[in-house]
Amino acid sequence: GLIADLGHLCQASKVNAKIKIDRVPVHPLVKANFPDYQELALSGGEEYELVFTADKVTMEKVKRALDCPVSVIGEITDESLPIRVILVNSKGNAVTPTKTGWEHFKNEVPKTKVA
């Protein structure tokens, strides 16, 4: 999901990200049919969006060059916090996610050895 994958990028780069959850693009049909659409957009494992970071000048160049919508959903910060991805609502208040992403093999049953 977005939270988990962005967290990996932030950890590797030793930075944090502040995501404005109301800016994360969600298709209108998803919003209309799933009350938990924001959770799905933030932690679902099948998002087909790309996440990248760029300074403001580069971002404007990217927006002009691409033939598809580009959504700025937050910012990278150098705050030294243990939490790598901070979610905020439209009022700027921190939001705690119930899920961060799919954990592969979490529920996998250990295989027993056959003699």
C-alpha atoms as a PDB file:
ATOM      1  CA  GLY A   1       0.000   0.000   0.000  1.00  0.00           C
ATOM      2  CA  LEU A   2       0.920   3.647  -0.291  1.00  0.00           C
ATOM      3  CA  ILE A   3       1.723   4.075   3.410  1.00  0.00           C
ATOM      4  CA  ALA A   4       3.964   1.014   3.609  1.00  0.00           C
ATOM      5  CA  ASP A   5       5.770   1.590   0.318  1.00  0.00           C
ATOM      6  CA  LEU A   6       6.310   5.289   0.966  1.00  0.00           C
ATOM      7  CA  GLY A   7       7.555   4.349   4.426  1.00  0.00           C
ATOM      8  CA  HIS A   8      10.203   2.099   2.849  1.00  0.00           C
ATOM      9  CA  LEU A   9      11.329   4.938   0.565  1.00  0.00           C
ATOM     10  CA  CYS A  10      11.492   7.365   3.484  1.00  0.00           C
ATOM     11  CA  GLN A  11      13.414   4.931   5.655  1.00  0.00           C
ATOM     12  CA  ALA A  12      15.993   4.343   2.924  1.00  0.00           C
ATOM     13  CA  SER A  13      16.358   8.096   2.369  1.00  0.00           C
ATOM     14  CA  LYS A  14      16.303   8.972   6.088  1.00  0.00           C
ATOM     15  CA  VAL A  15      13.418  11.423   5.670  1.00  0.00           C
ATOM     16  CA  ASN A  16       9.741  11.572   6.593  1.00  0.00           C
ATOM     17  CA  ALA A  17       6.659  12.240   4.497  1.00  0.00           C
ATOM     18  CA  LYS A  18       3.557  14.194   5.399  1.00  0.00           C
ATOM     19  CA  ILE A  19       0.570  13.045   3.344  1.00  0.00           C
ATOM     20  CA  LYS A  20      -2.634  15.059   3.070  1.00  0.00           C
ATOM     21  CA  ILE A  21      -5.147  12.236   2.833  1.00  0.00           C
ATOM     22  CA  ASP A  22      -7.803  14.342   1.094  1.00  0.00           C
ATOM     23  CA  ARG A  23      -5.357  14.859  -1.805  1.00  0.00           C
ATOM     24  CA  VAL A  24      -4.829  11.143  -2.498  1.00  0.00           C
ATOM     25  CA  PRO A  25      -6.695  10.467  -5.763  1.00  0.00           C
ATOM     26  CA  VAL A  26      -9.633   8.072  -5.481  1.00  0.00           C
ATOM     27  CA  HIS A  27     -11.971   7.234  -8.359  1.00  0.00           C
ATOM     28  CA  PRO A  28     -15.520   8.605  -7.826  1.00  0.00           C
ATOM     29  CA  LEU A  29     -17.046   5.109  -8.153  1.00  0.00           C
ATOM     30  CA  VAL A  30     -14.805   3.852  -5.351  1.00  0.00           C
ATOM     31  CA  LYS A  31     -15.829   6.798  -3.161  1.00  0.00           C
ATOM     32  CA  ALA A  32     -19.498   6.116  -3.909  1.00  0.00           C
ATOM     33  CA  ASN A  33     -19.370   2.385  -3.179  1.00  0.00           C
ATOM     34  CA  PHE A  34     -16.834   1.930  -0.388  1.00  0.00           C
ATOM     35  CA  PRO A  35     -17.234   3.855   2.884  1.00  0.00           C
ATOM     36  CA  ASP A  36     -13.615   3.016   3.745  1.00  0.00           C
ATOM     37  CA  TYR A  37     -12.295   4.346   0.417  1.00  0.00           C
ATOM     38  CA  GLN A  38      -9.525   6.378   2.059  1.00  0.00           C
ATOM     39  CA  GLU A  39      -8.211   3.331   3.901  1.00  0.00           C
ATOM     40  CA  LEU A  40      -8.295   1.363   0.642  1.00  0.00           C
ATOM     41  CA  ALA A  41      -6.378   4.111  -1.162  1.00  0.00           C
ATOM     42  CA  LEU A  42      -3.772   4.400   1.593  1.00  0.00           C
ATOM     43  CA  SER A  43      -3.195   0.762   2.454  1.00  0.00           C
ATOM     44  CA  GLY A  44      -4.550  -1.304  -0.427  1.00  0.00           C
ATOM     45  CA  GLY A  45      -2.026  -3.457  -2.223  1.00  0.00           C
ATOM     46  CA  GLU A  46      -3.289  -2.994  -5.751  1.00  0.00           C
ATOM     47  CA  GLU A  47      -2.927   0.713  -6.324  1.00  0.00           C
ATOM     48  CA  TYR A  48      -1.836   1.541  -9.827  1.00  0.00           C
ATOM     49  CA  GLU A  49      -0.294   4.905  -9.135  1.00  0.00           C
ATOM     50  CA  LEU A  50       3.350   5.868  -9.056  1.00  0.00           C
ATOM     51  CA  VAL A  51       4.880   7.643  -6.095  1.00  0.00           C
ATOM     52  CA  PHE A  52       7.825   9.947  -6.588  1.00  0.00           C
ATOM     53  CA  THR A  53       9.303  13.016  -4.996  1.00  0.00           C
ATOM     54  CA  ALA A  54      10.560  16.176  -6.640  1.00  0.00           C
ATOM     55  CA  ASP A  55      11.223  19.788  -5.782  1.00  0.00           C
ATOM     56  CA  LYS A  56       8.606  22.362  -6.852  1.00  0.00           C
ATOM     57  CA  VAL A  57      10.402  23.416 -10.053  1.00  0.00           C
ATOM     58  CA  THR A  58      10.900  19.833 -11.211  1.00  0.00           C
ATOM     59  CA  MET A  59       7.302  18.979 -10.305  1.00  0.00           C
ATOM     60  CA  GLU A  60       5.983  21.731 -12.560  1.00  0.00           C
ATOM     61  CA  LYS A  61       8.148  20.434 -15.422  1.00  0.00           C
ATOM     62  CA  VAL A  62       6.871  16.895 -14.847  1.00  0.00           C
ATOM     63  CA  LYS A  63       3.250  18.077 -14.847  1.00  0.00           C
ATOM     64  CA  ARG A  64       3.756  19.864 -18.167  1.00  0.00           C
ATOM     65  CA  ALA A  65       5.615  16.940 -19.757  1.00  0.00           C
ATOM     66  CA  LEU A  66       3.223  14.139 -18.830  1.00  0.00           C
ATOM     67  CA  ASP A  67       0.014  13.356 -20.635  1.00  0.00           C
ATOM     68  CA  CYS A  68      -1.747  12.248 -17.452  1.00  0.00           C
ATOM     69  CA  PRO A  69      -2.861  13.796 -14.179  1.00  0.00           C
ATOM     70  CA  VAL A  70      -0.222  14.343 -11.499  1.00  0.00           C
ATOM     71  CA  SER A  71      -1.398  14.723  -7.908  1.00  0.00           C
ATOM     72  CA  VAL A  72       0.732  16.393  -5.267  1.00  0.00           C
ATOM     73  CA  ILE A  73      -0.391  14.611  -2.098  1.00  0.00           C
ATOM     74  CA  GLY A  74       2.111  15.867   0.446  1.00  0.00           C
ATOM     75  CA  GLU A  75       5.674  16.776   1.170  1.00  0.00           C
ATOM     76  CA  ILE A  76       8.954  15.287   2.284  1.00  0.00           C
ATOM     77  CA  THR A  77      10.303  16.552   5.596  1.00  0.00           C
ATOM     78  CA  ASP A  78      13.568  16.036   7.413  1.00  0.00           C
ATOM     79  CA  GLU A  79      11.945  15.874  10.843  1.00  0.00           C
ATOM     80  CA  SER A  80      13.582  13.203  12.951  1.00  0.00           C
ATOM     81  CA  LEU A  81      10.530  11.275  14.075  1.00  0.00           C
ATOM     82  CA  PRO A  82      10.185   7.538  14.527  1.00  0.00           C
ATOM     83  CA  ILE A  83       7.093   7.614  12.291  1.00  0.00           C
ATOM     84  CA  ARG A  84       8.180   7.835   8.656  1.00  0.00           C
ATOM     85  CA  VAL A  85       4.780   8.625   7.088  1.00  0.00           C
ATOM     86  CA  ILE A  86       2.510  11.118   8.805  1.00  0.00           C
ATOM     87  CA  LEU A  87      -1.090  11.371   7.625  1.00  0.00           C
ATOM     88  CA  VAL A  88      -3.051  14.582   8.089  1.00  0.00           C
ATOM     89  CA  ASN A  89      -6.677  15.417   7.350  1.00  0.00           C
ATOM     90  CA  SER A  90      -7.975  18.558   5.648  1.00  0.00           C
ATOM     91  CA  LYS A  91      -7.717  20.469   8.950  1.00  0.00           C
ATOM     92  CA  GLY A  92      -4.056  19.497   9.385  1.00  0.00           C
ATOM     93  CA  ASN A  93      -4.766  17.103  12.246  1.00  0.00           C
ATOM     94  CA  ALA A  94      -2.785  13.871  12.430  1.00  0.00           C
ATOM     95  CA  VAL A  95      -4.689  10.726  11.470  1.00  0.00           C
ATOM     96  CA  THR A  96      -3.692   7.260  12.653  1.00  0.00           C
ATOM     97  CA  PRO A  97      -4.203   4.572  10.003  1.00  0.00           C
ATOM     98  CA  THR A  98      -5.777   1.252  10.971  1.00  0.00           C
ATOM     99  CA  LYS A  99      -3.683  -0.507   8.314  1.00  0.00           C
ATOM    100  CA  THR A 100      -0.486   0.436   6.527  1.00  0.00           C
ATOM    101  CA  GLY A 101      -0.398  -2.178   3.800  1.00  0.00           C
ATOM    102  CA  TRP A 102      -0.448  -5.834   2.953  1.00  0.00           C
ATOM    103  CA  GLU A 103       2.027  -7.937   4.889  1.00  0.00           C
ATOM    104  CA  HIS A 104       3.118 -10.801   2.679  1.00  0.00           C
ATOM    105  CA  PHE A 105       3.329 -14.185   4.399  1.00  0.00           C
ATOM    106  CA  LYS A 106       1.768 -12.791   7.607  1.00  0.00           C
ATOM    107  CA  ASN A 107      -0.882 -15.498   7.752  1.00  0.00           C
ATOM    108  CA  GLU A 108       1.098 -18.210   6.035  1.00  0.00           C
ATOM    109  CA  VAL A 109       1.038 -21.525   7.861  1.00  0.00           C
ATOM    110  CA  PRO A 110       4.551 -22.882   8.427  1.00  0.00           C
ATOM    111  CA  LYS A 111       5.238 -25.987   6.375  1.00  0.00           C
ATOM    112  CA  THR A 112       6.104 -29.086   8.315  1.00  0.00           C
ATOM    113  CA  LYS A 113       9.011 -31.219   7.287  1.00  0.00           C
ATOM    114  CA  VAL A 114       8.182 -34.585   5.811  1.00  0.00           C
ATOM    115  CA  ALA A 115      10.584 -37.397   6.646  1.00  0.00           C
END
